[in-house]
Amino acid sequence: MTGKILVSLDLGEPEDARQLLKTAEELASLRKDELHIVTVVPTYSMPIVGSYFGPGEEEKVLERALSALKAFLSENATLENVKGHIAHGSIYSEIMKVADKLDCDLIVIGAHRPGLSDYLLGPNAARVVRHANQSVYVVRH
């Protein structure tokens, strides 16, 4: 029986994303799993943030993110049938929603070495680890 792995990539950090994708592909190959990649575009819901963008700008950003994800996967994915997804909202929340929706059994997420602010604020990776319904594999950069 094959499972499903969800990998969250930050395309703004291409070297980290490549490393994370490589690790996830190795896991998927070992486990004979489907591999799903998600990139989360944060929402502009705060009025102070949203006021800087014109009508329809979020849709354009989502389209650009999808194009960037497709390009990244075509250049870097070595497995066939890697599926890309774009989510929009709170990063950690959207990762968990996508994992639940796709019925994934493993989430692969990257995390930078923790600094003092990470211990106080809790990064997205820590929130996913604490609250996801799936097992979470954290790759340190």
Protein backbone atom coordinates (compact mmCIF):
# COMPACT_ATOMS: atom_id res chain seq x y z
CA MET A 1 0.00 0.00 0.00
CA THR A 2 1.41 3.36 -0.96
CA GLY A 3 1.03 6.47 1.09
CA LYS A 4 1.16 10.15 0.36
CA ILE A 5 3.83 12.64 1.33
CA LEU A 6 3.22 16.38 1.40
CA VAL A 7 6.23 18.68 1.14
CA SER A 8 6.00 22.38 1.88
CA LEU A 9 8.44 24.44 -0.19
CA ASP A 10 9.36 28.11 0.13
CA LEU A 11 10.27 29.08 -3.43
CA GLY A 12 11.84 32.27 -2.09
CA GLU A 13 14.64 30.07 -0.73
CA PRO A 14 15.54 28.01 -3.83
CA GLU A 15 18.58 26.21 -2.42
CA ASP A 16 16.65 25.12 0.68
CA ALA A 17 13.71 24.10 -1.54
CA ARG A 18 15.98 21.95 -3.74
CA GLN A 19 17.46 20.24 -0.68
CA LEU A 20 14.02 19.62 0.78
CA LEU A 21 12.66 18.27 -2.51
CA LYS A 22 15.62 15.90 -2.83
CA THR A 23 15.05 14.54 0.68
CA ALA A 24 11.32 14.13 0.04
CA GLU A 25 11.95 12.33 -3.25
CA GLU A 26 14.29 9.90 -1.48
CA LEU A 27 11.60 9.20 1.13
CA ALA A 28 8.91 8.80 -1.52
CA SER A 29 11.11 6.38 -3.48
CA LEU A 30 11.83 4.26 -0.40
CA ARG A 31 8.21 4.17 0.65
CA LYS A 32 6.75 4.00 -2.90
CA ASP A 33 4.57 7.01 -2.03
CA GLU A 34 2.83 9.70 -4.01
CA LEU A 35 4.63 13.02 -3.66
CA HIS A 36 2.69 16.27 -3.33
CA ILE A 37 4.38 19.68 -3.15
CA VAL A 38 2.66 22.72 -1.67
CA THR A 39 3.69 26.35 -1.72
CA VAL A 40 1.70 28.64 0.56
CA VAL A 41 1.08 32.24 -0.42
CA PRO A 42 0.35 34.27 2.73
CA THR A 43 -2.92 36.16 2.76
CA TYR A 44 -3.21 39.95 2.55
CA SER A 45 -6.09 39.93 5.01
CA MET A 46 -4.66 42.49 7.42
CA PRO A 47 -6.02 45.89 6.34
CA ILE A 48 -2.61 47.55 6.74
CA VAL A 49 -1.09 45.03 4.33
CA GLY A 50 -4.02 44.79 1.91
CA SER A 51 -4.20 48.55 1.47
CA TYR A 52 -0.91 48.48 -0.46
CA PHE A 53 -2.30 46.22 -3.19
CA GLY A 54 -4.88 46.93 -5.84
CA PRO A 55 -7.98 44.86 -6.63
CA GLY A 56 -7.17 41.46 -8.08
CA GLU A 57 -3.55 41.55 -6.96
CA GLU A 58 -3.88 38.44 -4.80
CA GLU A 59 -5.15 36.43 -7.77
CA LYS A 60 -2.17 37.58 -9.82
CA VAL A 61 0.20 36.59 -7.03
CA LEU A 62 -1.40 33.13 -6.84
CA GLU A 63 -1.05 32.70 -10.61
CA ARG A 64 2.62 33.73 -10.45
CA ALA A 65 3.21 31.35 -7.54
CA LEU A 66 1.67 28.47 -9.49
CA SER A 67 3.84 29.27 -12.51
CA ALA A 68 6.94 29.48 -10.31
CA LEU A 69 6.10 26.15 -8.66
CA LYS A 70 5.58 24.44 -12.03
CA ALA A 71 8.90 25.83 -13.29
CA PHE A 72 10.72 24.78 -10.11
CA LEU A 73 9.34 21.23 -10.32
CA SER A 74 10.11 20.88 -14.03
CA GLU A 75 13.72 21.90 -13.35
CA ASN A 76 14.29 20.03 -10.09
CA ALA A 77 11.91 17.10 -9.62
CA THR A 78 13.38 13.77 -10.64
CA LEU A 79 10.37 11.57 -9.87
CA GLU A 80 7.46 11.26 -12.26
CA ASN A 81 3.98 12.36 -11.22
CA VAL A 82 5.03 14.86 -8.58
CA LYS A 83 1.93 16.97 -8.01
CA GLY A 84 2.18 20.69 -7.21
CA HIS A 85 -0.36 22.65 -5.18
CA ILE A 86 -0.77 26.30 -4.21
CA ALA A 87 -2.46 27.25 -0.95
CA HIS A 88 -3.40 30.70 0.28
CA GLY A 89 -3.55 31.76 3.91
CA SER A 90 -1.67 31.16 7.12
CA ILE A 91 1.37 29.04 6.27
CA TYR A 92 1.19 26.43 9.02
CA SER A 93 -2.60 26.21 8.88
CA GLU A 94 -2.66 25.74 5.11
CA ILE A 95 0.01 23.04 5.22
CA MET A 96 -2.12 21.05 7.65
CA LYS A 97 -5.33 21.66 5.65
CA VAL A 98 -3.73 20.44 2.43
CA ALA A 99 -2.26 17.38 4.17
CA ASP A 100 -5.70 16.50 5.56
CA LYS A 101 -7.49 17.17 2.26
CA LEU A 102 -5.07 14.97 0.30
CA ASP A 103 -5.13 12.28 3.02
CA CYS A 104 -1.34 12.41 3.42
CA ASP A 105 0.32 10.33 6.08
CA LEU A 106 3.60 12.27 6.20
CA ILE A 107 4.51 15.95 6.01
CA VAL A 108 8.06 16.96 5.12
CA ILE A 109 8.96 20.49 6.14
CA GLY A 110 12.15 22.51 6.32
CA ALA A 111 13.36 24.44 9.33
CA HIS A 112 16.32 26.70 9.89
CA ARG A 113 18.50 26.19 12.92
CA PRO A 114 16.59 27.69 15.83
CA GLY A 115 17.53 31.05 17.24
CA LEU A 116 16.22 32.60 20.44
CA SER A 117 13.27 34.23 18.65
CA ASP A 118 12.18 30.82 17.35
CA TYR A 119 11.86 29.51 20.88
CA LEU A 120 9.72 32.46 21.90
CA LEU A 121 7.56 32.89 18.78
CA GLY A 122 7.31 29.37 17.39
CA PRO A 123 8.06 29.05 13.67
CA ASN A 124 5.70 27.47 11.15
CA ALA A 125 7.57 24.16 11.32
CA ALA A 126 7.08 23.95 15.08
CA ARG A 127 3.36 24.65 14.76
CA VAL A 128 2.97 21.96 12.12
CA VAL A 129 4.88 19.47 14.29
CA ARG A 130 2.68 20.25 17.30
CA HIS A 131 -0.70 20.28 15.57
CA ALA A 132 -0.64 18.12 12.41
CA ASN A 133 -2.62 14.90 12.25
CA GLN A 134 0.24 13.33 10.29
CA SER A 135 3.78 12.39 11.16
CA VAL A 136 6.16 15.25 10.39
CA TYR A 137 9.71 14.89 9.10
CA VAL A 138 11.73 18.07 9.72
CA VAL A 139 14.75 18.77 7.53
CA ARG A 140 17.24 21.23 9.03
CA HIS A 141 18.90 23.74 6.70
